[in-house]
């Protein structure tokens, strides 16, 4: 959207800050954690339950890192922060999981899995 009548400059600045926070805190955190999970390129047959649970956990931690990075989140009372996470984190995980997995689609381990 480039229509300045729809959003003003402050709104664009807020959106830009949110995108930057997502890229830096959520995406970067997930990619770093994912690199640790797939560090040894172990075949899928040798994966343990800890490895399978590490991916959803890293997605959740990445999303929480993003939310905590937003200045508006810190302006809320602790009880409101807790309620916000409790009631909104779970519905955001599937959408965020799709976005994060798309960012890692061309990693060697992903490409290898596509041909199995």
PDB file of N, CA and C in Angstrom:
ATOM      1  N   UNK A   1       0.841  -1.186   0.000  1.00  0.00           N
ATOM      2  CA  UNK A   1       0.000   0.000   0.000  1.00  0.00           C
ATOM      3  C   UNK A   1       0.880   1.241   0.000  1.00  0.00           C
ATOM      4  N   UNK A   2       0.670   2.093  -0.940  1.00  0.00           N
ATOM      5  CA  UNK A   2       1.408   3.342  -0.999  1.00  0.00           C
ATOM      6  C   UNK A   2       0.482   4.541  -0.957  1.00  0.00           C
ATOM      7  N   UNK A   3      -0.774   4.308  -0.663  1.00  0.00           N
ATOM      8  CA  UNK A   3      -1.743   5.388  -0.612  1.00  0.00           C
ATOM      9  C   UNK A   3      -1.603   6.125   0.708  1.00  0.00           C
ATOM     10  N   UNK A   4      -1.080   7.331   0.672  1.00  0.00           N
ATOM     11  CA  UNK A   4      -0.818   8.074   1.905  1.00  0.00           C
ATOM     12  C   UNK A   4      -2.091   8.530   2.587  1.00  0.00           C
ATOM     13  N   UNK A   5      -3.232   8.489   1.884  1.00  0.00           N
ATOM     14  CA  UNK A   5      -4.484   8.879   2.530  1.00  0.00           C
ATOM     15  C   UNK A   5      -5.012   7.777   3.445  1.00  0.00           C
ATOM     16  N   UNK A   6      -4.528   6.552   3.256  1.00  0.00           N
ATOM     17  CA  UNK A   6      -4.979   5.434   4.082  1.00  0.00           C
ATOM     18  C   UNK A   6      -4.190   5.399   5.395  1.00  0.00           C
ATOM     19  N   UNK A   7      -2.886   5.523   5.312  1.00  0.00           N
ATOM     20  CA  UNK A   7      -2.028   5.519   6.497  1.00  0.00           C
ATOM     21  C   UNK A   7      -1.189   6.789   6.506  1.00  0.00           C
ATOM     22  N   UNK A   8      -1.033   7.336   7.699  1.00  0.00           N
ATOM     23  CA  UNK A   8      -0.180   8.524   7.791  1.00  0.00           C
ATOM     24  C   UNK A   8       1.257   8.107   8.077  1.00  0.00           C
ATOM     25  N   UNK A   9       2.137   9.075   8.150  1.00  0.00           N
ATOM     26  CA  UNK A   9       3.565   8.789   8.316  1.00  0.00           C
ATOM     27  C   UNK A   9       3.860   8.042   9.615  1.00  0.00           C
ATOM     28  N   UNK A  10       3.177   8.379  10.663  1.00  0.00           N
ATOM     29  CA  UNK A  10       3.395   7.701  11.952  1.00  0.00           C
ATOM     30  C   UNK A  10       2.976   6.232  11.855  1.00  0.00           C
ATOM     31  N   UNK A  11       1.855   5.977  11.192  1.00  0.00           N
ATOM     32  CA  UNK A  11       1.405   4.596  11.007  1.00  0.00           C
ATOM     33  C   UNK A  11       2.424   3.794  10.211  1.00  0.00           C
ATOM     34  N   UNK A  12       2.963   4.393   9.153  1.00  0.00           N
ATOM     35  CA  UNK A  12       3.983   3.719   8.349  1.00  0.00           C
ATOM     36  C   UNK A  12       5.226   3.438   9.184  1.00  0.00           C
ATOM     37  N   UNK A  13       5.593   4.371  10.035  1.00  0.00           N
ATOM     38  CA  UNK A  13       6.752   4.182  10.898  1.00  0.00           C
ATOM     39  C   UNK A  13       6.518   3.023  11.855  1.00  0.00           C
ATOM     40  N   UNK A  14       5.303   2.948  12.431  1.00  0.00           N
ATOM     41  CA  UNK A  14       4.976   1.833  13.335  1.00  0.00           C
ATOM     42  C   UNK A  14       5.037   0.495  12.595  1.00  0.00           C
ATOM     43  N   UNK A  15       4.474   0.445  11.394  1.00  0.00           N
ATOM     44  CA  UNK A  15       4.522  -0.786  10.607  1.00  0.00           C
ATOM     45  C   UNK A  15       5.949  -1.171  10.263  1.00  0.00           C
ATOM     46  N   UNK A  16       6.752  -0.187   9.907  1.00  0.00           N
ATOM     47  CA  UNK A  16       8.155  -0.447   9.593  1.00  0.00           C
ATOM     48  C   UNK A  16       8.892  -0.994  10.812  1.00  0.00           C
ATOM     49  N   UNK A  17       8.612  -0.437  11.982  1.00  0.00           N
ATOM     50  CA  UNK A  17       9.242  -0.918  13.220  1.00  0.00           C
ATOM     51  C   UNK A  17       8.807  -2.343  13.549  1.00  0.00           C
ATOM     52  N   UNK A  18       7.549  -2.662  13.288  1.00  0.00           N
ATOM     53  CA  UNK A  18       7.049  -4.014  13.555  1.00  0.00           C
ATOM     54  C   UNK A  18       7.723  -5.019  12.620  1.00  0.00           C
ATOM     55  N   UNK A  19       7.826  -4.672  11.347  1.00  0.00           N
ATOM     56  CA  UNK A  19       8.481  -5.563  10.377  1.00  0.00           C
ATOM     57  C   UNK A  19       9.951  -5.758  10.758  1.00  0.00           C
ATOM     58  N   UNK A  20      10.615  -4.671  11.130  1.00  0.00           N
ATOM     59  CA  UNK A  20      12.018  -4.766  11.541  1.00  0.00           C
ATOM     60  C   UNK A  20      12.156  -5.662  12.781  1.00  0.00           C
ATOM     61  N   UNK A  21      11.278  -5.474  13.759  1.00  0.00           N
ATOM     62  CA  UNK A  21      11.323  -6.296  14.977  1.00  0.00           C
ATOM     63  C   UNK A  21      11.077  -7.765  14.650  1.00  0.00           C
ATOM     64  N   UNK A  22      10.159  -8.032  13.722  1.00  0.00           N
ATOM     65  CA  UNK A  22       9.891  -9.419  13.334  1.00  0.00           C
ATOM     66  C   UNK A  22      11.122 -10.041  12.680  1.00  0.00           C
ATOM     67  N   UNK A  23      11.709  -9.287  11.748  1.00  0.00           N
ATOM     68  CA  UNK A  23      12.897  -9.800  11.057  1.00  0.00           C
ATOM     69  C   UNK A  23      14.049 -10.026  12.014  1.00  0.00           C
ATOM     70  N   UNK A  24      14.238  -9.114  12.951  1.00  0.00           N
ATOM     71  CA  UNK A  24      15.396  -9.221  13.842  1.00  0.00           C
ATOM     72  C   UNK A  24      15.178 -10.197  14.988  1.00  0.00           C
ATOM     73  N   UNK A  25      14.005 -10.175  15.570  1.00  0.00           N
ATOM     74  CA  UNK A  25      13.803 -10.987  16.773  1.00  0.00           C
ATOM     75  C   UNK A  25      13.171 -12.344  16.492  1.00  0.00           C
ATOM     76  N   UNK A  26      12.227 -12.390  15.602  1.00  0.00           N
ATOM     77  CA  UNK A  26      11.557 -13.662  15.344  1.00  0.00           C
ATOM     78  C   UNK A  26      12.306 -14.475  14.290  1.00  0.00           C
ATOM     79  N   UNK A  27      12.479 -13.914  13.128  1.00  0.00           N
ATOM     80  CA  UNK A  27      13.111 -14.640  12.032  1.00  0.00           C
ATOM     81  C   UNK A  27      14.561 -14.991  12.329  1.00  0.00           C
ATOM     82  N   UNK A  28      15.323 -14.035  12.794  1.00  0.00           N
ATOM     83  CA  UNK A  28      16.737 -14.280  13.087  1.00  0.00           C
ATOM     84  C   UNK A  28      16.897 -15.311  14.209  1.00  0.00           C
ATOM     85  N   UNK A  29      16.093 -15.180  15.256  1.00  0.00           N
ATOM     86  CA  UNK A  29      16.151 -16.140  16.371  1.00  0.00           C
ATOM     87  C   UNK A  29      15.818 -17.540  15.894  1.00  0.00           C
ATOM     88  N   UNK A  30      14.783 -17.673  15.082  1.00  0.00           N
ATOM     89  CA  UNK A  30      14.379 -18.986  14.583  1.00  0.00           C
ATOM     90  C   UNK A  30      15.472 -19.610  13.716  1.00  0.00           C
ATOM     91  N   UNK A  31      16.030 -18.826  12.808  1.00  0.00           N
ATOM     92  CA  UNK A  31      17.067 -19.357  11.912  1.00  0.00           C
ATOM     93  C   UNK A  31      18.293 -19.795  12.706  1.00  0.00           C
ATOM     94  N   UNK A  32      18.680 -19.035  13.729  1.00  0.00           N
ATOM     95  CA  UNK A  32      19.821 -19.419  14.565  1.00  0.00           C
ATOM     96  C   UNK A  32      19.534 -20.716  15.315  1.00  0.00           C
ATOM     97  N   UNK A  33      18.338 -20.822  15.905  1.00  0.00           N
ATOM     98  CA  UNK A  33      17.982 -22.036  16.634  1.00  0.00           C
ATOM     99  C   UNK A  33      17.861 -23.227  15.688  1.00  0.00           C
ATOM    100  N   UNK A  34      17.311 -22.995  14.530  1.00  0.00           N
ATOM    101  CA  UNK A  34      17.158 -24.062  13.539  1.00  0.00           C
ATOM    102  C   UNK A  34      18.519 -24.573  13.074  1.00  0.00           C
ATOM    103  N   UNK A  35      19.476 -23.679  12.918  1.00  0.00           N
ATOM    104  CA  UNK A  35      20.820 -24.089  12.520  1.00  0.00           C
ATOM    105  C   UNK A  35      21.411 -25.041  13.553  1.00  0.00           C
ATOM    106  N   UNK A  36      21.124 -24.807  14.827  1.00  0.00           N
ATOM    107  CA  UNK A  36      21.612 -25.706  15.872  1.00  0.00           C
ATOM    108  C   UNK A  36      20.914 -27.064  15.824  1.00  0.00           C
ATOM    109  N   UNK A  37      19.655 -27.067  15.439  1.00  0.00           N
ATOM    110  CA  UNK A  37      18.909 -28.329  15.366  1.00  0.00           C
ATOM    111  C   UNK A  37      19.446 -29.199  14.237  1.00  0.00           C
ATOM    112  N   UNK A  38      19.736 -28.589  13.090  1.00  0.00           N
ATOM    113  CA  UNK A  38      20.167 -29.333  11.910  1.00  0.00           C
ATOM    114  C   UNK A  38      21.674 -29.291  11.705  1.00  0.00           C
ATOM    115  N   UNK A  39      22.413 -29.075  12.746  1.00  0.00           N
ATOM    116  CA  UNK A  39      23.858 -28.864  12.621  1.00  0.00           C
ATOM    117  C   UNK A  39      24.594 -30.066  12.054  1.00  0.00           C
ATOM    118  N   UNK A  40      24.138 -31.260  12.366  1.00  0.00           N
ATOM    119  CA  UNK A  40      24.888 -32.434  11.915  1.00  0.00           C
ATOM    120  C   UNK A  40      24.224 -33.174  10.754  1.00  0.00           C
ATOM    121  N   UNK A  41      23.150 -32.626  10.196  1.00  0.00           N
ATOM    122  CA  UNK A  41      22.494 -33.222   9.029  1.00  0.00           C
ATOM    123  C   UNK A  41      22.149 -34.702   9.239  1.00  0.00           C
ATOM    124  N   UNK A  42      21.740 -35.038  10.442  1.00  0.00           N
ATOM    125  CA  UNK A  42      21.346 -36.410  10.752  1.00  0.00           C
ATOM    126  C   UNK A  42      20.158 -36.811   9.896  1.00  0.00           C
ATOM    127  N   UNK A  43      20.136 -38.047   9.459  1.00  0.00           N
ATOM    128  CA  UNK A  43      19.004 -38.493   8.641  1.00  0.00           C
ATOM    129  C   UNK A  43      17.728 -38.479   9.487  1.00  0.00           C
ATOM    130  N   UNK A  44      16.599 -38.335   8.807  1.00  0.00           N
ATOM    131  CA  UNK A  44      15.319 -38.255   9.506  1.00  0.00           C
ATOM    132  C   UNK A  44      15.020 -39.520  10.291  1.00  0.00           C
ATOM    133  N   UNK A  45      15.523 -40.666   9.860  1.00  0.00           N
ATOM    134  CA  UNK A  45      15.271 -41.917  10.566  1.00  0.00           C
ATOM    135  C   UNK A  45      15.930 -41.936  11.939  1.00  0.00           C
ATOM    136  N   UNK A  46      16.993 -41.160  12.108  1.00  0.00           N
ATOM    137  CA  UNK A  46      17.731 -41.171  13.367  1.00  0.00           C
ATOM    138  C   UNK A  46      17.299 -40.066  14.318  1.00  0.00           C
ATOM    139  N   UNK A  47      16.285 -39.313  13.956  1.00  0.00           N
ATOM    140  CA  UNK A  47      15.851 -38.215  14.813  1.00  0.00           C
ATOM    141  C   UNK A  47      15.205 -38.739  16.090  1.00  0.00           C
ATOM    142  N   UNK A  48      15.462 -38.051  17.162  1.00  0.00           N
ATOM    143  CA  UNK A  48      14.853 -38.395  18.444  1.00  0.00           C
ATOM    144  C   UNK A  48      13.666 -37.477  18.691  1.00  0.00           C
ATOM    145  N   UNK A  49      12.911 -37.800  19.699  1.00  0.00           N
ATOM    146  CA  UNK A  49      11.741 -36.985  20.055  1.00  0.00           C
ATOM    147  C   UNK A  49      12.175 -35.561  20.456  1.00  0.00           C
ATOM    148  N   UNK A  50      13.368 -35.442  21.037  1.00  0.00           N
ATOM    149  CA  UNK A  50      13.860 -34.115  21.423  1.00  0.00           C
ATOM    150  C   UNK A  50      14.043 -33.223  20.196  1.00  0.00           C
ATOM    151  N   UNK A  51      14.518 -33.815  19.123  1.00  0.00           N
ATOM    152  CA  UNK A  51      14.707 -33.031  17.887  1.00  0.00           C
ATOM    153  C   UNK A  51      13.374 -32.628  17.282  1.00  0.00           C
ATOM    154  N   UNK A  52      12.412 -33.545  17.290  1.00  0.00           N
ATOM    155  CA  UNK A  52      11.101 -33.205  16.743  1.00  0.00           C
ATOM    156  C   UNK A  52      10.423 -32.113  17.572  1.00  0.00           C
ATOM    157  N   UNK A  53      10.594 -32.142  18.862  1.00  0.00           N
ATOM    158  CA  UNK A  53       9.970 -31.130  19.709  1.00  0.00           C
ATOM    159  C   UNK A  53      10.747 -29.814  19.701  1.00  0.00           C
ATOM    160  N   UNK A  54      11.991 -29.838  19.271  1.00  0.00           N
ATOM    161  CA  UNK A  54      12.796 -28.618  19.263  1.00  0.00           C
ATOM    162  C   UNK A  54      12.304 -27.607  18.236  1.00  0.00           C
ATOM    163  N   UNK A  55      11.794 -28.066  17.123  1.00  0.00           N
ATOM    164  CA  UNK A  55      11.338 -27.146  16.072  1.00  0.00           C
ATOM    165  C   UNK A  55      10.120 -26.341  16.523  1.00  0.00           C
ATOM    166  N   UNK A  56       9.037 -26.967  17.008  1.00  0.00           N
ATOM    167  CA  UNK A  56       7.909 -26.158  17.484  1.00  0.00           C
ATOM    168  C   UNK A  56       8.289 -25.261  18.661  1.00  0.00           C
ATOM    169  N   UNK A  57       9.181 -25.751  19.503  1.00  0.00           N
ATOM    170  CA  UNK A  57       9.613 -24.941  20.637  1.00  0.00           C
ATOM    171  C   UNK A  57      10.377 -23.714  20.160  1.00  0.00           C
ATOM    172  N   UNK A  58      11.226 -23.877  19.163  1.00  0.00           N
ATOM    173  CA  UNK A  58      11.979 -22.726  18.665  1.00  0.00           C
ATOM    174  C   UNK A  58      11.050 -21.728  17.977  1.00  0.00           C
ATOM    175  N   UNK A  59       9.988 -22.216  17.337  1.00  0.00           N
ATOM    176  CA  UNK A  59       9.000 -21.317  16.739  1.00  0.00           C
ATOM    177  C   UNK A  59       8.299 -20.510  17.823  1.00  0.00           C
ATOM    178  N   UNK A  60       7.915 -21.162  18.894  1.00  0.00           N
ATOM    179  CA  UNK A  60       7.249 -20.477  20.001  1.00  0.00           C
ATOM    180  C   UNK A  60       8.178 -19.455  20.649  1.00  0.00           C
ATOM    181  N   UNK A  61       9.425 -19.838  20.890  1.00  0.00           N
ATOM    182  CA  UNK A  61      10.381 -18.913  21.497  1.00  0.00           C
ATOM    183  C   UNK A  61      10.674 -17.727  20.584  1.00  0.00           C
ATOM    184  N   UNK A  62      10.744 -17.955  19.294  1.00  0.00           N
ATOM    185  CA  UNK A  62      10.977 -16.876  18.341  1.00  0.00           C
ATOM    186  C   UNK A  62       9.818 -15.890  18.336  1.00  0.00           C
ATOM    187  N   UNK A  63       8.605 -16.412  18.349  1.00  0.00           N
ATOM    188  CA  UNK A  63       7.429 -15.554  18.371  1.00  0.00           C
ATOM    189  C   UNK A  63       7.362 -14.756  19.667  1.00  0.00           C
ATOM    190  N   UNK A  64       7.661 -15.400  20.778  1.00  0.00           N
ATOM    191  CA  UNK A  64       7.673 -14.695  22.069  1.00  0.00           C
ATOM    192  C   UNK A  64       8.754 -13.614  22.090  1.00  0.00           C
ATOM    193  N   UNK A  65       9.892 -13.890  21.494  1.00  0.00           N
ATOM    194  CA  UNK A  65      10.965 -12.903  21.412  1.00  0.00           C
ATOM    195  C   UNK A  65      10.510 -11.679  20.623  1.00  0.00           C
ATOM    196  N   UNK A  66       9.799 -11.920  19.532  1.00  0.00           N
ATOM    197  CA  UNK A  66       9.266 -10.817  18.728  1.00  0.00           C
ATOM    198  C   UNK A  66       8.288  -9.975  19.534  1.00  0.00           C
ATOM    199  N   UNK A  67       7.357 -10.622  20.194  1.00  0.00           N
ATOM    200  CA  UNK A  67       6.348  -9.887  20.967  1.00  0.00           C
ATOM    201  C   UNK A  67       7.007  -9.077  22.070  1.00  0.00           C
ATOM    202  N   UNK A  68       7.977  -9.673  22.757  1.00  0.00           N
ATOM    203  CA  UNK A  68       8.671  -8.949  23.836  1.00  0.00           C
ATOM    204  C   UNK A  68       9.512  -7.789  23.311  1.00  0.00           C
ATOM    205  N   UNK A  69       9.871  -7.802  22.036  1.00  0.00           N
ATOM    206  CA  UNK A  69      10.693  -6.732  21.475  1.00  0.00           C
ATOM    207  C   UNK A  69       9.883  -5.484  21.143  1.00  0.00           C
ATOM    208  N   UNK A  70       8.566  -5.598  21.117  1.00  0.00           N
ATOM    209  CA  UNK A  70       7.729  -4.457  20.765  1.00  0.00           C
ATOM    210  C   UNK A  70       7.590  -3.500  21.944  1.00  0.00           C
ATOM    211  N   UNK A  71       7.871  -2.215  21.739  1.00  0.00           N
ATOM    212  CA  UNK A  71       7.760  -1.236  22.837  1.00  0.00           C
ATOM    213  C   UNK A  71       6.348  -1.182  23.436  1.00  0.00           C
ATOM    214  N   UNK A  72       5.325  -1.334  22.610  1.00  0.00           N
ATOM    215  CA  UNK A  72       3.956  -1.282  23.119  1.00  0.00           C
ATOM    216  C   UNK A  72       3.689  -2.403  24.122  1.00  0.00           C
ATOM    217  N   UNK A  73       4.326  -3.541  23.940  1.00  0.00           N
ATOM    218  CA  UNK A  73       4.154  -4.667  24.859  1.00  0.00           C
ATOM    219  C   UNK A  73       4.654  -4.301  26.253  1.00  0.00           C
ATOM    220  N   UNK A  74       5.767  -3.598  26.306  1.00  0.00           N
ATOM    221  CA  UNK A  74       6.350  -3.228  27.602  1.00  0.00           C
ATOM    222  C   UNK A  74       5.584  -2.104  28.303  1.00  0.00           C
ATOM    223  N   UNK A  75       4.741  -1.418  27.559  1.00  0.00           N
ATOM    224  CA  UNK A  75       3.943  -0.360  28.187  1.00  0.00           C
ATOM    225  C   UNK A  75       2.726  -0.929  28.909  1.00  0.00           C
ATOM    226  N   UNK A  76       2.454  -2.205  28.717  1.00  0.00           N
ATOM    227  CA  UNK A  76       1.318  -2.861  29.364  1.00  0.00           C
ATOM    228  C   UNK A  76       1.689  -3.342  30.763  1.00  0.00           C
ATOM    229  N   UNK A  77       0.683  -3.467  31.611  1.00  0.00           N
ATOM    230  CA  UNK A  77       0.902  -4.059  32.932  1.00  0.00           C
ATOM    231  C   UNK A  77       1.315  -5.515  32.773  1.00  0.00           C
ATOM    232  N   UNK A  78       2.060  -6.038  33.730  1.00  0.00           N
ATOM    233  CA  UNK A  78       2.525  -7.435  33.658  1.00  0.00           C
ATOM    234  C   UNK A  78       1.361  -8.412  33.518  1.00  0.00           C
ATOM    235  N   UNK A  79       0.272  -8.165  34.239  1.00  0.00           N
ATOM    236  CA  UNK A  79      -0.877  -9.075  34.144  1.00  0.00           C
ATOM    237  C   UNK A  79      -1.480  -9.041  32.739  1.00  0.00           C
ATOM    238  N   UNK A  80      -1.522  -7.868  32.123  1.00  0.00           N
ATOM    239  CA  UNK A  80      -2.044  -7.740  30.769  1.00  0.00           C
ATOM    240  C   UNK A  80      -1.089  -8.412  29.780  1.00  0.00           C
ATOM    241  N   UNK A  81       0.214  -8.262  29.996  1.00  0.00           N
ATOM    242  CA  UNK A  81       1.196  -8.937  29.148  1.00  0.00           C
ATOM    243  C   UNK A  81       0.987 -10.448  29.211  1.00  0.00           C
ATOM    244  N   UNK A  82       0.821 -10.948  30.407  1.00  0.00           N
ATOM    245  CA  UNK A  82       0.623 -12.379  30.600  1.00  0.00           C
ATOM    246  C   UNK A  82      -0.659 -12.860  29.911  1.00  0.00           C
ATOM    247  N   UNK A  83      -1.742 -12.131  30.076  1.00  0.00           N
ATOM    248  CA  UNK A  83      -3.006 -12.497  29.436  1.00  0.00           C
ATOM    249  C   UNK A  83      -2.903 -12.417  27.909  1.00  0.00           C
ATOM    250  N   UNK A  84      -2.210 -11.409  27.423  1.00  0.00           N
ATOM    251  CA  UNK A  84      -2.011 -11.262  25.986  1.00  0.00           C
ATOM    252  C   UNK A  84      -1.297 -12.482  25.412  1.00  0.00           C
ATOM    253  N   UNK A  85      -0.232 -12.905  26.075  1.00  0.00           N
ATOM    254  CA  UNK A  85       0.510 -14.086  25.613  1.00  0.00           C
ATOM    255  C   UNK A  85      -0.319 -15.354  25.763  1.00  0.00           C
ATOM    256  N   UNK A  86      -0.986 -15.484  26.892  1.00  0.00           N
ATOM    257  CA  UNK A  86      -1.760 -16.689  27.182  1.00  0.00           C
ATOM    258  C   UNK A  86      -2.862 -16.916  26.148  1.00  0.00           C
ATOM    259  N   UNK A  87      -3.533 -15.847  25.735  1.00  0.00           N
ATOM    260  CA  UNK A  87      -4.683 -15.995  24.852  1.00  0.00           C
ATOM    261  C   UNK A  87      -4.378 -15.765  23.374  1.00  0.00           C
ATOM    262  N   UNK A  88      -3.207 -15.243  23.053  1.00  0.00           N
ATOM    263  CA  UNK A  88      -2.927 -14.920  21.654  1.00  0.00           C
ATOM    264  C   UNK A  88      -1.727 -15.642  21.062  1.00  0.00           C
ATOM    265  N   UNK A  89      -0.858 -16.166  21.886  1.00  0.00           N
ATOM    266  CA  UNK A  89       0.335 -16.821  21.365  1.00  0.00           C
ATOM    267  C   UNK A  89      -0.022 -18.085  20.581  1.00  0.00           C
ATOM    268  N   UNK A  90      -0.882 -18.909  21.141  1.00  0.00           N
ATOM    269  CA  UNK A  90      -1.238 -20.177  20.485  1.00  0.00           C
ATOM    270  C   UNK A  90      -1.866 -19.970  19.101  1.00  0.00           C
ATOM    271  N   UNK A  91      -2.836 -19.052  18.915  1.00  0.00           N
ATOM    272  CA  UNK A  91      -3.392 -18.868  17.565  1.00  0.00           C
ATOM    273  C   UNK A  91      -2.381 -18.296  16.566  1.00  0.00           C
ATOM    274  N   UNK A  92      -1.376 -17.590  17.044  1.00  0.00           N
ATOM    275  CA  UNK A  92      -0.384 -17.009  16.147  1.00  0.00           C
ATOM    276  C   UNK A  92       0.666 -18.021  15.688  1.00  0.00           C
ATOM    277  N   UNK A  93       0.834 -19.103  16.415  1.00  0.00           N
ATOM    278  CA  UNK A  93       1.888 -20.066  16.110  1.00  0.00           C
ATOM    279  C   UNK A  93       1.733 -20.703  14.721  1.00  0.00           C
ATOM    280  N   UNK A  94       0.550 -21.193  14.314  1.00  0.00           N
ATOM    281  CA  UNK A  94       0.466 -21.809  12.973  1.00  0.00           C
ATOM    282  C   UNK A  94       0.791 -20.836  11.835  1.00  0.00           C
ATOM    283  N   UNK A  95       0.297 -19.612  11.940  1.00  0.00           N
ATOM    284  CA  UNK A  95       0.578 -18.615  10.901  1.00  0.00           C
ATOM    285  C   UNK A  95       2.070 -18.304  10.877  1.00  0.00           C
ATOM    286  N   UNK A  96       2.632 -18.127  12.049  1.00  0.00           N
ATOM    287  CA  UNK A  96       4.051 -17.819  12.152  1.00  0.00           C
ATOM    288  C   UNK A  96       4.903 -19.006  11.697  1.00  0.00           C
ATOM    289  N   UNK A  97       4.452 -20.218  11.999  1.00  0.00           N
ATOM    290  CA  UNK A  97       5.190 -21.423  11.595  1.00  0.00           C
ATOM    291  C   UNK A  97       5.298 -21.483  10.077  1.00  0.00           C
ATOM    292  N   UNK A  98       4.208 -21.191   9.396  1.00  0.00           N
ATOM    293  CA  UNK A  98       4.232 -21.199   7.939  1.00  0.00           C
ATOM    294  C   UNK A  98       5.244 -20.172   7.429  1.00  0.00           C
ATOM    295  N   UNK A  99       5.191 -18.973   7.952  1.00  0.00           N
ATOM    296  CA  UNK A  99       6.102 -17.898   7.517  1.00  0.00           C
ATOM    297  C   UNK A  99       7.560 -18.275   7.788  1.00  0.00           C
ATOM    298  N   UNK A 100       7.844 -18.775   8.965  1.00  0.00           N
ATOM    299  CA  UNK A 100       9.216 -19.135   9.311  1.00  0.00           C
ATOM    300  C   UNK A 100       9.736 -20.299   8.470  1.00  0.00           C
ATOM    301  N   UNK A 101       8.898 -21.293   8.247  1.00  0.00           N
ATOM    302  CA  UNK A 101       9.337 -22.435   7.436  1.00  0.00           C
ATOM    303  C   UNK A 101       9.595 -22.026   5.990  1.00  0.00           C
ATOM    304  N   UNK A 102       8.860 -21.067   5.485  1.00  0.00           N
ATOM    305  CA  UNK A 102       9.109 -20.569   4.133  1.00  0.00           C
ATOM    306  C   UNK A 102      10.482 -19.911   4.050  1.00  0.00           C
ATOM    307  N   UNK A 103      10.902 -19.277   5.119  1.00  0.00           N
ATOM    308  CA  UNK A 103      12.201 -18.597   5.117  1.00  0.00           C
ATOM    309  C   UNK A 103      13.362 -19.587   5.094  1.00  0.00           C
ATOM    310  N   UNK A 104      13.104 -20.831   5.494  1.00  0.00           N
ATOM    311  CA  UNK A 104      14.169 -21.841   5.564  1.00  0.00           C
ATOM    312  C   UNK A 104      14.014 -22.901   4.488  1.00  0.00           C
ATOM    313  N   UNK A 105      13.177 -22.682   3.511  1.00  0.00           N
ATOM    314  CA  UNK A 105      12.843 -23.714   2.537  1.00  0.00           C
ATOM    315  C   UNK A 105      14.041 -24.189   1.725  1.00  0.00           C
ATOM    316  N   UNK A 106      15.001 -23.325   1.473  1.00  0.00           N
ATOM    317  CA  UNK A 106      16.114 -23.700   0.615  1.00  0.00           C
ATOM    318  C   UNK A 106      17.372 -24.101   1.385  1.00  0.00           C
ATOM    319  N   UNK A 107      17.242 -24.367   2.681  1.00  0.00           N
ATOM    320  CA  UNK A 107      18.389 -24.876   3.428  1.00  0.00           C
ATOM    321  C   UNK A 107      18.715 -26.278   2.913  1.00  0.00           C
ATOM    322  N   UNK A 108      19.981 -26.693   3.005  1.00  0.00           N
ATOM    323  CA  UNK A 108      20.355 -28.030   2.507  1.00  0.00           C
ATOM    324  C   UNK A 108      19.521 -29.159   3.102  1.00  0.00           C
ATOM    325  N   UNK A 109      19.233 -29.075   4.399  1.00  0.00           N
ATOM    326  CA  UNK A 109      18.458 -30.159   5.016  1.00  0.00           C
ATOM    327  C   UNK A 109      17.036 -30.188   4.477  1.00  0.00           C
ATOM    328  N   UNK A 110      16.460 -29.039   4.154  1.00  0.00           N
ATOM    329  CA  UNK A 110      15.119 -28.984   3.573  1.00  0.00           C
ATOM    330  C   UNK A 110      15.128 -29.564   2.165  1.00  0.00           C
ATOM    331  N   UNK A 111      16.116 -29.188   1.392  1.00  0.00           N
ATOM    332  CA  UNK A 111      16.214 -29.670   0.020  1.00  0.00           C
ATOM    333  C   UNK A 111      16.395 -31.191   0.016  1.00  0.00           C
ATOM    334  N   UNK A 112      17.244 -31.713   0.902  1.00  0.00           N
ATOM    335  CA  UNK A 112      17.451 -33.161   0.999  1.00  0.00           C
ATOM    336  C   UNK A 112      16.171 -33.887   1.382  1.00  0.00           C
ATOM    337  N   UNK A 113      15.383 -33.308   2.296  1.00  0.00           N
ATOM    338  CA  UNK A 113      14.143 -33.934   2.734  1.00  0.00           C
ATOM    339  C   UNK A 113      13.115 -33.970   1.617  1.00  0.00           C
ATOM    340  N   UNK A 114      13.172 -32.990   0.728  1.00  0.00           N
ATOM    341  CA  UNK A 114      12.209 -32.927  -0.371  1.00  0.00           C
ATOM    342  C   UNK A 114      12.389 -34.091  -1.335  1.00  0.00           C
ATOM    343  N   UNK A 115      13.599 -34.648  -1.390  1.00  0.00           N
ATOM    344  CA  UNK A 115      13.864 -35.727  -2.320  1.00  0.00           C
ATOM    345  C   UNK A 115      13.780 -37.110  -1.692  1.00  0.00           C
ATOM    346  N   UNK A 116      13.405 -37.173  -0.424  1.00  0.00           N
ATOM    347  CA  UNK A 116      13.307 -38.477   0.254  1.00  0.00           C
ATOM    348  C   UNK A 116      11.978 -39.119  -0.080  1.00  0.00           C
TER     349      UNK A 116
END
